[in-house]
Amino acid sequence: MGWNVGEYGMMNKWMVGLTDGWMDGWMDGWMDGWMDGWMDGWMDGWMDGWMDGWMDGWMDGWMDGWMDGWMDGWMDGWMDRWTNGWVDGWVGG
């Protein structure tokens, strides 16, 4: 049972077709899946991280700055007025 040129040619075409088809499908599927997965994961992660970080930073900064500034200003103003008024009134009186 030897191989003749016809049989070898058919076998070769079959192997090439099988390999090419498998490689094309595998490469296309792998590339599509990898690109889609990477893009989705990266975009989602980046957007989520950016939004979370921005919101956290903005809220923390705004709350800290507003609370600190308001509390400091209110406390300082109240203490100054109360102390100065009390001392002036007591010393002056």
PDB file of N, CA and C in Angstrom:
ATOM      1  N   MET A   1       0.829  -1.189   0.000  1.00  0.00           N
ATOM      2  CA  MET A   1       0.000   0.000   0.000  1.00  0.00           C
ATOM      3  C   MET A   1       0.865   1.241   0.000  1.00  0.00           C
ATOM      4  N   GLY A   2       1.394   1.559  -1.121  1.00  0.00           N
ATOM      5  CA  GLY A   2       2.248   2.735  -1.180  1.00  0.00           C
ATOM      6  C   GLY A   2       1.432   3.986  -1.496  1.00  0.00           C
ATOM      7  N   TRP A   3       2.035   5.090  -1.190  1.00  0.00           N
ATOM      8  CA  TRP A   3       1.408   6.375  -1.527  1.00  0.00           C
ATOM      9  C   TRP A   3       1.761   6.715  -2.962  1.00  0.00           C
ATOM     10  N   ASN A   4       0.794   7.069  -3.732  1.00  0.00           N
ATOM     11  CA  ASN A   4       1.122   7.595  -5.048  1.00  0.00           C
ATOM     12  C   ASN A   4       0.894   9.096  -5.040  1.00  0.00           C
ATOM     13  N   VAL A   5       1.250   9.774  -6.050  1.00  0.00           N
ATOM     14  CA  VAL A   5       1.194  11.234  -6.103  1.00  0.00           C
ATOM     15  C   VAL A   5      -0.227  11.740  -5.871  1.00  0.00           C
ATOM     16  N   GLY A   6      -1.197  11.039  -6.441  1.00  0.00           N
ATOM     17  CA  GLY A   6      -2.583  11.454  -6.281  1.00  0.00           C
ATOM     18  C   GLY A   6      -3.037  11.393  -4.829  1.00  0.00           C
ATOM     19  N   GLU A   7      -2.726  10.276  -4.183  1.00  0.00           N
ATOM     20  CA  GLU A   7      -3.104  10.116  -2.793  1.00  0.00           C
ATOM     21  C   GLU A   7      -2.381  11.136  -1.901  1.00  0.00           C
ATOM     22  N   TYR A   8      -1.116  11.354  -2.166  1.00  0.00           N
ATOM     23  CA  TYR A   8      -0.333  12.299  -1.373  1.00  0.00           C
ATOM     24  C   TYR A   8      -0.865  13.733  -1.562  1.00  0.00           C
ATOM     25  N   GLY A   9      -1.199  14.036  -2.801  1.00  0.00           N
ATOM     26  CA  GLY A   9      -1.746  15.370  -3.085  1.00  0.00           C
ATOM     27  C   GLY A   9      -3.064  15.600  -2.364  1.00  0.00           C
ATOM     28  N   MET A  10      -3.924  14.608  -2.367  1.00  0.00           N
ATOM     29  CA  MET A  10      -5.203  14.721  -1.667  1.00  0.00           C
ATOM     30  C   MET A  10      -4.982  14.847  -0.162  1.00  0.00           C
ATOM     31  N   MET A  11      -4.068  14.023   0.350  1.00  0.00           N
ATOM     32  CA  MET A  11      -3.782  14.050   1.778  1.00  0.00           C
ATOM     33  C   MET A  11      -3.192  15.405   2.162  1.00  0.00           C
ATOM     34  N   ASN A  12      -2.314  15.915   1.347  1.00  0.00           N
ATOM     35  CA  ASN A  12      -1.671  17.193   1.606  1.00  0.00           C
ATOM     36  C   ASN A  12      -2.717  18.308   1.613  1.00  0.00           C
ATOM     37  N   LYS A  13      -3.604  18.309   0.638  1.00  0.00           N
ATOM     38  CA  LYS A  13      -4.655  19.325   0.588  1.00  0.00           C
ATOM     39  C   LYS A  13      -5.552  19.231   1.818  1.00  0.00           C
ATOM     40  N   TRP A  14      -5.847  18.014   2.207  1.00  0.00           N
ATOM     41  CA  TRP A  14      -6.702  17.810   3.372  1.00  0.00           C
ATOM     42  C   TRP A  14      -6.017  18.346   4.632  1.00  0.00           C
ATOM     43  N   MET A  15      -4.712  18.045   4.783  1.00  0.00           N
ATOM     44  CA  MET A  15      -3.962  18.505   5.949  1.00  0.00           C
ATOM     45  C   MET A  15      -3.838  20.026   5.948  1.00  0.00           C
ATOM     46  N   VAL A  16      -3.542  20.597   4.781  1.00  0.00           N
ATOM     47  CA  VAL A  16      -3.410  22.049   4.687  1.00  0.00           C
ATOM     48  C   VAL A  16      -4.748  22.705   5.005  1.00  0.00           C
ATOM     49  N   GLY A  17      -5.821  22.170   4.443  1.00  0.00           N
ATOM     50  CA  GLY A  17      -7.151  22.719   4.702  1.00  0.00           C
ATOM     51  C   GLY A  17      -7.511  22.615   6.172  1.00  0.00           C
ATOM     52  N   LEU A  18      -7.212  21.486   6.760  1.00  0.00           N
ATOM     53  CA  LEU A  18      -7.514  21.277   8.181  1.00  0.00           C
ATOM     54  C   LEU A  18      -6.693  22.232   9.047  1.00  0.00           C
ATOM     55  N   THR A  19      -5.408  22.304   8.758  1.00  0.00           N
ATOM     56  CA  THR A  19      -4.524  23.150   9.562  1.00  0.00           C
ATOM     57  C   THR A  19      -4.874  24.620   9.384  1.00  0.00           C
ATOM     58  N   ASP A  20      -5.038  25.040   8.136  1.00  0.00           N
ATOM     59  CA  ASP A  20      -5.382  26.444   7.884  1.00  0.00           C
ATOM     60  C   ASP A  20      -6.708  26.803   8.534  1.00  0.00           C
ATOM     61  N   GLY A  21      -7.688  25.940   8.352  1.00  0.00           N
ATOM     62  CA  GLY A  21      -9.001  26.216   8.932  1.00  0.00           C
ATOM     63  C   GLY A  21      -8.951  26.286  10.444  1.00  0.00           C
ATOM     64  N   TRP A  22      -8.224  25.357  11.030  1.00  0.00           N
ATOM     65  CA  TRP A  22      -8.100  25.321  12.483  1.00  0.00           C
ATOM     66  C   TRP A  22      -7.334  26.532  12.983  1.00  0.00           C
ATOM     67  N   MET A  23      -6.227  26.855  12.295  1.00  0.00           N
ATOM     68  CA  MET A  23      -5.412  27.995  12.706  1.00  0.00           C
ATOM     69  C   MET A  23      -6.179  29.301  12.543  1.00  0.00           C
ATOM     70  N   ASP A  24      -6.845  29.447  11.408  1.00  0.00           N
ATOM     71  CA  ASP A  24      -7.615  30.674  11.189  1.00  0.00           C
ATOM     72  C   ASP A  24      -8.684  30.830  12.261  1.00  0.00           C
ATOM     73  N   GLY A  25      -9.426  29.777  12.484  1.00  0.00           N
ATOM     74  CA  GLY A  25     -10.492  29.838  13.482  1.00  0.00           C
ATOM     75  C   GLY A  25      -9.960  30.092  14.867  1.00  0.00           C
ATOM     76  N   TRP A  26      -8.874  29.412  15.193  1.00  0.00           N
ATOM     77  CA  TRP A  26      -8.289  29.559  16.519  1.00  0.00           C
ATOM     78  C   TRP A  26      -7.724  30.964  16.699  1.00  0.00           C
ATOM     79  N   MET A  27      -6.988  31.433  15.672  1.00  0.00           N
ATOM     80  CA  MET A  27      -6.386  32.763  15.761  1.00  0.00           C
ATOM     81  C   MET A  27      -7.463  33.839  15.805  1.00  0.00           C
ATOM     82  N   ASP A  28      -8.451  33.721  14.936  1.00  0.00           N
ATOM     83  CA  ASP A  28      -9.520  34.720  14.929  1.00  0.00           C
ATOM     84  C   ASP A  28     -10.249  34.719  16.269  1.00  0.00           C
ATOM     85  N   GLY A  29     -10.598  33.548  16.729  1.00  0.00           N
ATOM     86  CA  GLY A  29     -11.319  33.446  17.991  1.00  0.00           C
ATOM     87  C   GLY A  29     -10.497  33.946  19.153  1.00  0.00           C
ATOM     88  N   TRP A  30      -9.226  33.577  19.149  1.00  0.00           N
ATOM     89  CA  TRP A  30      -8.344  33.981  20.233  1.00  0.00           C
ATOM     90  C   TRP A  30      -8.125  35.493  20.209  1.00  0.00           C
ATOM     91  N   MET A  31      -7.862  36.014  19.019  1.00  0.00           N
ATOM     92  CA  MET A  31      -7.630  37.453  18.893  1.00  0.00           C
ATOM     93  C   MET A  31      -8.882  38.239  19.262  1.00  0.00           C
ATOM     94  N   ASP A  32     -10.017  37.815  18.737  1.00  0.00           N
ATOM     95  CA  ASP A  32     -11.265  38.508  19.058  1.00  0.00           C
ATOM     96  C   ASP A  32     -11.549  38.440  20.556  1.00  0.00           C
ATOM     97  N   GLY A  33     -11.433  37.258  21.099  1.00  0.00           N
ATOM     98  CA  GLY A  33     -11.709  37.080  22.526  1.00  0.00           C
ATOM     99  C   GLY A  33     -10.744  37.856  23.383  1.00  0.00           C
ATOM    100  N   TRP A  34      -9.475  37.828  23.008  1.00  0.00           N
ATOM    101  CA  TRP A  34      -8.455  38.522  23.783  1.00  0.00           C
ATOM    102  C   TRP A  34      -8.670  40.021  23.686  1.00  0.00           C
ATOM    103  N   MET A  35      -8.883  40.518  22.480  1.00  0.00           N
ATOM    104  CA  MET A  35      -9.073  41.952  22.295  1.00  0.00           C
ATOM    105  C   MET A  35     -10.348  42.422  22.989  1.00  0.00           C
ATOM    106  N   ASP A  36     -11.430  41.699  22.785  1.00  0.00           N
ATOM    107  CA  ASP A  36     -12.685  42.081  23.423  1.00  0.00           C
ATOM    108  C   ASP A  36     -12.556  42.034  24.942  1.00  0.00           C
ATOM    109  N   GLY A  37     -11.997  40.945  25.423  1.00  0.00           N
ATOM    110  CA  GLY A  37     -11.857  40.783  26.871  1.00  0.00           C
ATOM    111  C   GLY A  37     -10.934  41.829  27.455  1.00  0.00           C
ATOM    112  N   TRP A  38      -9.839  42.077  26.767  1.00  0.00           N
ATOM    113  CA  TRP A  38      -8.876  43.059  27.259  1.00  0.00           C
ATOM    114  C   TRP A  38      -9.476  44.450  27.224  1.00  0.00           C
ATOM    115  N   MET A  39     -10.103  44.801  26.113  1.00  0.00           N
ATOM    116  CA  MET A  39     -10.703  46.123  25.987  1.00  0.00           C
ATOM    117  C   MET A  39     -11.827  46.308  27.008  1.00  0.00           C
ATOM    118  N   ASP A  40     -12.694  45.318  27.105  1.00  0.00           N
ATOM    119  CA  ASP A  40     -13.789  45.403  28.069  1.00  0.00           C
ATOM    120  C   ASP A  40     -13.248  45.527  29.484  1.00  0.00           C
ATOM    121  N   GLY A  41     -12.321  44.651  29.820  1.00  0.00           N
ATOM    122  CA  GLY A  41     -11.772  44.654  31.173  1.00  0.00           C
ATOM    123  C   GLY A  41     -11.031  45.933  31.464  1.00  0.00           C
ATOM    124  N   TRP A  42     -10.252  46.394  30.509  1.00  0.00           N
ATOM    125  CA  TRP A  42      -9.469  47.608  30.703  1.00  0.00           C
ATOM    126  C   TRP A  42     -10.379  48.823  30.786  1.00  0.00           C
ATOM    127  N   MET A  43     -11.309  48.913  29.852  1.00  0.00           N
ATOM    128  CA  MET A  43     -12.204  50.064  29.840  1.00  0.00           C
ATOM    129  C   MET A  43     -13.080  50.078  31.091  1.00  0.00           C
ATOM    130  N   ASP A  44     -13.651  48.935  31.414  1.00  0.00           N
ATOM    131  CA  ASP A  44     -14.497  48.865  32.608  1.00  0.00           C
ATOM    132  C   ASP A  44     -13.689  49.192  33.852  1.00  0.00           C
ATOM    133  N   GLY A  45     -12.527  48.563  33.962  1.00  0.00           N
ATOM    134  CA  GLY A  45     -11.688  48.781  35.135  1.00  0.00           C
ATOM    135  C   GLY A  45     -11.231  50.219  35.229  1.00  0.00           C
ATOM    136  N   TRP A  46     -10.844  50.784  34.097  1.00  0.00           N
ATOM    137  CA  TRP A  46     -10.354  52.156  34.079  1.00  0.00           C
ATOM    138  C   TRP A  46     -11.487  53.117  34.399  1.00  0.00           C
ATOM    139  N   MET A  47     -12.633  52.905  33.766  1.00  0.00           N
ATOM    140  CA  MET A  47     -13.769  53.791  34.008  1.00  0.00           C
ATOM    141  C   MET A  47     -14.249  53.672  35.450  1.00  0.00           C
ATOM    142  N   ASP A  48     -14.377  52.445  35.922  1.00  0.00           N
ATOM    143  CA  ASP A  48     -14.815  52.243  37.306  1.00  0.00           C
ATOM    144  C   ASP A  48     -13.816  52.866  38.269  1.00  0.00           C
ATOM    145  N   GLY A  49     -12.530  52.589  38.029  1.00  0.00           N
ATOM    146  CA  GLY A  49     -11.497  53.111  38.916  1.00  0.00           C
ATOM    147  C   GLY A  49     -11.443  54.625  38.879  1.00  0.00           C
ATOM    148  N   TRP A  50     -11.586  55.177  37.693  1.00  0.00           N
ATOM    149  CA  TRP A  50     -11.520  56.633  37.536  1.00  0.00           C
ATOM    150  C   TRP A  50     -12.723  57.269  38.214  1.00  0.00           C
ATOM    151  N   MET A  51     -13.897  56.720  37.958  1.00  0.00           N
ATOM    152  CA  MET A  51     -15.105  57.275  38.573  1.00  0.00           C
ATOM    153  C   MET A  51     -15.057  57.143  40.086  1.00  0.00           C
ATOM    154  N   ASP A  52     -14.700  55.963  40.555  1.00  0.00           N
ATOM    155  CA  ASP A  52     -14.620  55.747  42.001  1.00  0.00           C
ATOM    156  C   ASP A  52     -13.578  56.669  42.619  1.00  0.00           C
ATOM    157  N   GLY A  53     -12.391  56.709  41.996  1.00  0.00           N
ATOM    158  CA  GLY A  53     -11.314  57.537  42.533  1.00  0.00           C
ATOM    159  C   GLY A  53     -11.674  59.010  42.493  1.00  0.00           C
ATOM    160  N   TRP A  54     -12.272  59.434  41.394  1.00  0.00           N
ATOM    161  CA  TRP A  54     -12.639  60.839  41.245  1.00  0.00           C
ATOM    162  C   TRP A  54     -13.717  61.198  42.249  1.00  0.00           C
ATOM    163  N   MET A  55     -14.720  60.350  42.347  1.00  0.00           N
ATOM    164  CA  MET A  55     -15.809  60.624  43.287  1.00  0.00           C
ATOM    165  C   MET A  55     -15.305  60.614  44.727  1.00  0.00           C
ATOM    166  N   ASP A  56     -14.503  59.612  45.048  1.00  0.00           N
ATOM    167  CA  ASP A  56     -13.965  59.533  46.410  1.00  0.00           C
ATOM    168  C   ASP A  56     -13.101  60.755  46.703  1.00  0.00           C
ATOM    169  N   GLY A  57     -12.188  61.056  45.767  1.00  0.00           N
ATOM    170  CA  GLY A  57     -11.286  62.189  45.975  1.00  0.00           C
ATOM    171  C   GLY A  57     -12.037  63.502  46.058  1.00  0.00           C
ATOM    172  N   TRP A  58     -12.988  63.661  45.177  1.00  0.00           N
ATOM    173  CA  TRP A  58     -13.749  64.906  45.139  1.00  0.00           C
ATOM    174  C   TRP A  58     -14.588  65.040  46.407  1.00  0.00           C
ATOM    175  N   MET A  59     -15.268  63.971  46.758  1.00  0.00           N
ATOM    176  CA  MET A  59     -16.117  64.018  47.944  1.00  0.00           C
ATOM    177  C   MET A  59     -15.277  64.211  49.201  1.00  0.00           C
ATOM    178  N   ASP A  60     -14.199  63.445  49.297  1.00  0.00           N
ATOM    179  CA  ASP A  60     -13.337  63.567  50.481  1.00  0.00           C
ATOM    180  C   ASP A  60     -12.747  64.963  50.554  1.00  0.00           C
ATOM    181  N   GLY A  61     -12.203  65.435  49.431  1.00  0.00           N
ATOM    182  CA  GLY A  61     -11.573  66.755  49.413  1.00  0.00           C
ATOM    183  C   GLY A  61     -12.579  67.847  49.696  1.00  0.00           C
ATOM    184  N   TRP A  62     -13.733  67.744  49.082  1.00  0.00           N
ATOM    185  CA  TRP A  62     -14.752  68.762  49.261  1.00  0.00           C
ATOM    186  C   TRP A  62     -15.260  68.752  50.700  1.00  0.00           C
ATOM    187  N   MET A  63     -15.546  67.562  51.193  1.00  0.00           N
ATOM    188  CA  MET A  63     -16.053  67.460  52.564  1.00  0.00           C
ATOM    189  C   MET A  63     -15.001  67.910  53.566  1.00  0.00           C
ATOM    190  N   ASP A  64     -13.776  67.432  53.377  1.00  0.00           N
ATOM    191  CA  ASP A  64     -12.713  67.818  54.314  1.00  0.00           C
ATOM    192  C   ASP A  64     -12.482  69.322  54.254  1.00  0.00           C
ATOM    193  N   GLY A  65     -12.346  69.837  53.045  1.00  0.00           N
ATOM    194  CA  GLY A  65     -12.073  71.262  52.885  1.00  0.00           C
ATOM    195  C   GLY A  65     -13.216  72.112  53.408  1.00  0.00           C
ATOM    196  N   TRP A  66     -14.415  71.728  53.081  1.00  0.00           N
ATOM    197  CA  TRP A  66     -15.580  72.499  53.503  1.00  0.00           C
ATOM    198  C   TRP A  66     -15.755  72.425  55.011  1.00  0.00           C
ATOM    199  N   MET A  67     -15.659  71.219  55.531  1.00  0.00           N
ATOM    200  CA  MET A  67     -15.840  71.050  56.970  1.00  0.00           C
ATOM    201  C   MET A  67     -14.723  71.739  57.742  1.00  0.00           C
ATOM    202  N   ASP A  68     -13.488  71.525  57.300  1.00  0.00           N
ATOM    203  CA  ASP A  68     -12.360  72.141  57.997  1.00  0.00           C
ATOM    204  C   ASP A  68     -12.466  73.662  57.918  1.00  0.00           C
ATOM    205  N   GLY A  69     -12.687  74.165  56.703  1.00  0.00           N
ATOM    206  CA  GLY A  69     -12.764  75.609  56.525  1.00  0.00           C
ATOM    207  C   GLY A  69     -13.916  76.215  57.311  1.00  0.00           C
ATOM    208  N   TRP A  70     -15.048  75.587  57.246  1.00  0.00           N
ATOM    209  CA  TRP A  70     -16.232  76.100  57.931  1.00  0.00           C
ATOM    210  C   TRP A  70     -16.053  76.026  59.438  1.00  0.00           C
ATOM    211  N   MET A  71     -15.568  74.872  59.907  1.00  0.00           N
ATOM    212  CA  MET A  71     -15.374  74.707  61.342  1.00  0.00           C
ATOM    213  C   MET A  71     -14.306  75.662  61.864  1.00  0.00           C
ATOM    214  N   ASP A  72     -13.191  75.767  61.132  1.00  0.00           N
ATOM    215  CA  ASP A  72     -12.119  76.658  61.562  1.00  0.00           C
ATOM    216  C   ASP A  72     -12.612  78.101  61.582  1.00  0.00           C
ATOM    217  N   GLY A  73     -13.248  78.505  60.498  1.00  0.00           N
ATOM    218  CA  GLY A  73     -13.728  79.877  60.411  1.00  0.00           C
ATOM    219  C   GLY A  73     -14.775  80.180  61.467  1.00  0.00           C
ATOM    220  N   TRP A  74     -15.674  79.273  61.658  1.00  0.00           N
ATOM    221  CA  TRP A  74     -16.746  79.476  62.632  1.00  0.00           C
ATOM    222  C   TRP A  74     -16.187  79.491  64.048  1.00  0.00           C
ATOM    223  N   MET A  75     -15.310  78.519  64.328  1.00  0.00           N
ATOM    224  CA  MET A  75     -14.729  78.443  65.667  1.00  0.00           C
ATOM    225  C   MET A  75     -13.856  79.662  65.952  1.00  0.00           C
ATOM    226  N   ASP A  76     -13.022  80.013  64.973  1.00  0.00           N
ATOM    227  CA  ASP A  76     -12.135  81.165  65.168  1.00  0.00           C
ATOM    228  C   ASP A  76     -12.958  82.438  65.368  1.00  0.00           C
ATOM    229  N   GLY A  77     -13.936  82.636  64.482  1.00  0.00           N
ATOM    230  CA  GLY A  77     -14.757  83.838  64.587  1.00  0.00           C
ATOM    231  C   GLY A  77     -15.530  83.882  65.888  1.00  0.00           C
ATOM    232  N   TRP A  78     -16.089  82.780  66.258  1.00  0.00           N
ATOM    233  CA  TRP A  78     -16.878  82.717  67.498  1.00  0.00           C
ATOM    234  C   TRP A  78     -15.988  82.926  68.712  1.00  0.00           C
ATOM    235  N   MET A  79     -14.831  82.262  68.745  1.00  0.00           N
ATOM    236  CA  MET A  79     -13.913  82.381  69.870  1.00  0.00           C
ATOM    237  C   MET A  79     -13.379  83.808  69.981  1.00  0.00           C
ATOM    238  N   ASP A  80     -12.998  84.381  68.818  1.00  0.00           N
ATOM    239  CA  ASP A  80     -12.476  85.747  68.839  1.00  0.00           C
ATOM    240  C   ASP A  80     -13.525  86.711  69.375  1.00  0.00           C
ATOM    241  N   ARG A  81     -14.719  86.595  68.855  1.00  0.00           N
ATOM    242  CA  ARG A  81     -15.771  87.525  69.263  1.00  0.00           C
ATOM    243  C   ARG A  81     -16.133  87.334  70.732  1.00  0.00           C
ATOM    244  N   TRP A  82     -16.259  86.095  71.124  1.00  0.00           N
ATOM    245  CA  TRP A  82     -16.646  85.824  72.505  1.00  0.00           C
ATOM    246  C   TRP A  82     -15.559  86.270  73.465  1.00  0.00           C
ATOM    247  N   THR A  83     -14.317  85.901  73.139  1.00  0.00           N
ATOM    248  CA  THR A  83     -13.201  86.245  74.023  1.00  0.00           C
ATOM    249  C   THR A  83     -12.984  87.748  74.045  1.00  0.00           C
ATOM    250  N   ASN A  84     -12.932  88.350  72.860  1.00  0.00           N
ATOM    251  CA  ASN A  84     -12.694  89.792  72.815  1.00  0.00           C
ATOM    252  C   ASN A  84     -13.829  90.553  73.485  1.00  0.00           C
ATOM    253  N   GLY A  85     -15.036  90.157  73.206  1.00  0.00           N
ATOM    254  CA  GLY A  85     -16.174  90.836  73.813  1.00  0.00           C
ATOM    255  C   GLY A  85     -16.191  90.654  75.313  1.00  0.00           C
ATOM    256  N   TRP A  86     -15.895  89.470  75.765  1.00  0.00           N
ATOM    257  CA  TRP A  86     -15.914  89.196  77.209  1.00  0.00           C
ATOM    258  C   TRP A  86     -14.788  89.934  77.900  1.00  0.00           C
ATOM    259  N   VAL A  87     -13.580  89.879  77.287  1.00  0.00           N
ATOM    260  CA  VAL A  87     -12.432  90.564  77.899  1.00  0.00           C
ATOM    261  C   VAL A  87     -12.653  92.067  77.874  1.00  0.00           C
ATOM    262  N   ASP A  88     -13.095  92.584  76.724  1.00  0.00           N
ATOM    263  CA  ASP A  88     -13.339  94.036  76.640  1.00  0.00           C
ATOM    264  C   ASP A  88     -14.394  94.462  77.659  1.00  0.00           C
ATOM    265  N   GLY A  89     -15.448  93.696  77.731  1.00  0.00           N
ATOM    266  CA  GLY A  89     -16.515  94.039  78.660  1.00  0.00           C
ATOM    267  C   GLY A  89     -16.063  93.941  80.099  1.00  0.00           C
ATOM    268  N   TRP A  90     -15.298  92.919  80.395  1.00  0.00           N
ATOM    269  CA  TRP A  90     -14.858  92.704  81.781  1.00  0.00           C
ATOM    270  C   TRP A  90     -13.809  93.745  82.181  1.00  0.00           C
ATOM    271  N   VAL A  91     -12.818  93.944  81.267  1.00  0.00           N
ATOM    272  CA  VAL A  91     -11.754  94.900  81.570  1.00  0.00           C
ATOM    273  C   VAL A  91     -12.305  96.315  81.518  1.00  0.00           C
ATOM    274  N   GLY A  92     -13.121  96.565  80.506  1.00  0.00           N
ATOM    275  CA  GLY A  92     -13.661  97.902  80.345  1.00  0.00           C
ATOM    276  C   GLY A  92     -14.656  98.253  81.458  1.00  0.00           C
ATOM    277  N   GLY A  93     -15.344  97.198  81.915  1.00  0.00           N
ATOM    278  CA  GLY A  93     -16.355  97.474  82.914  1.00  0.00           C
ATOM    279  C   GLY A  93     -15.746  97.667  84.246  1.00  0.00           C
TER     280      GLY A  93
END
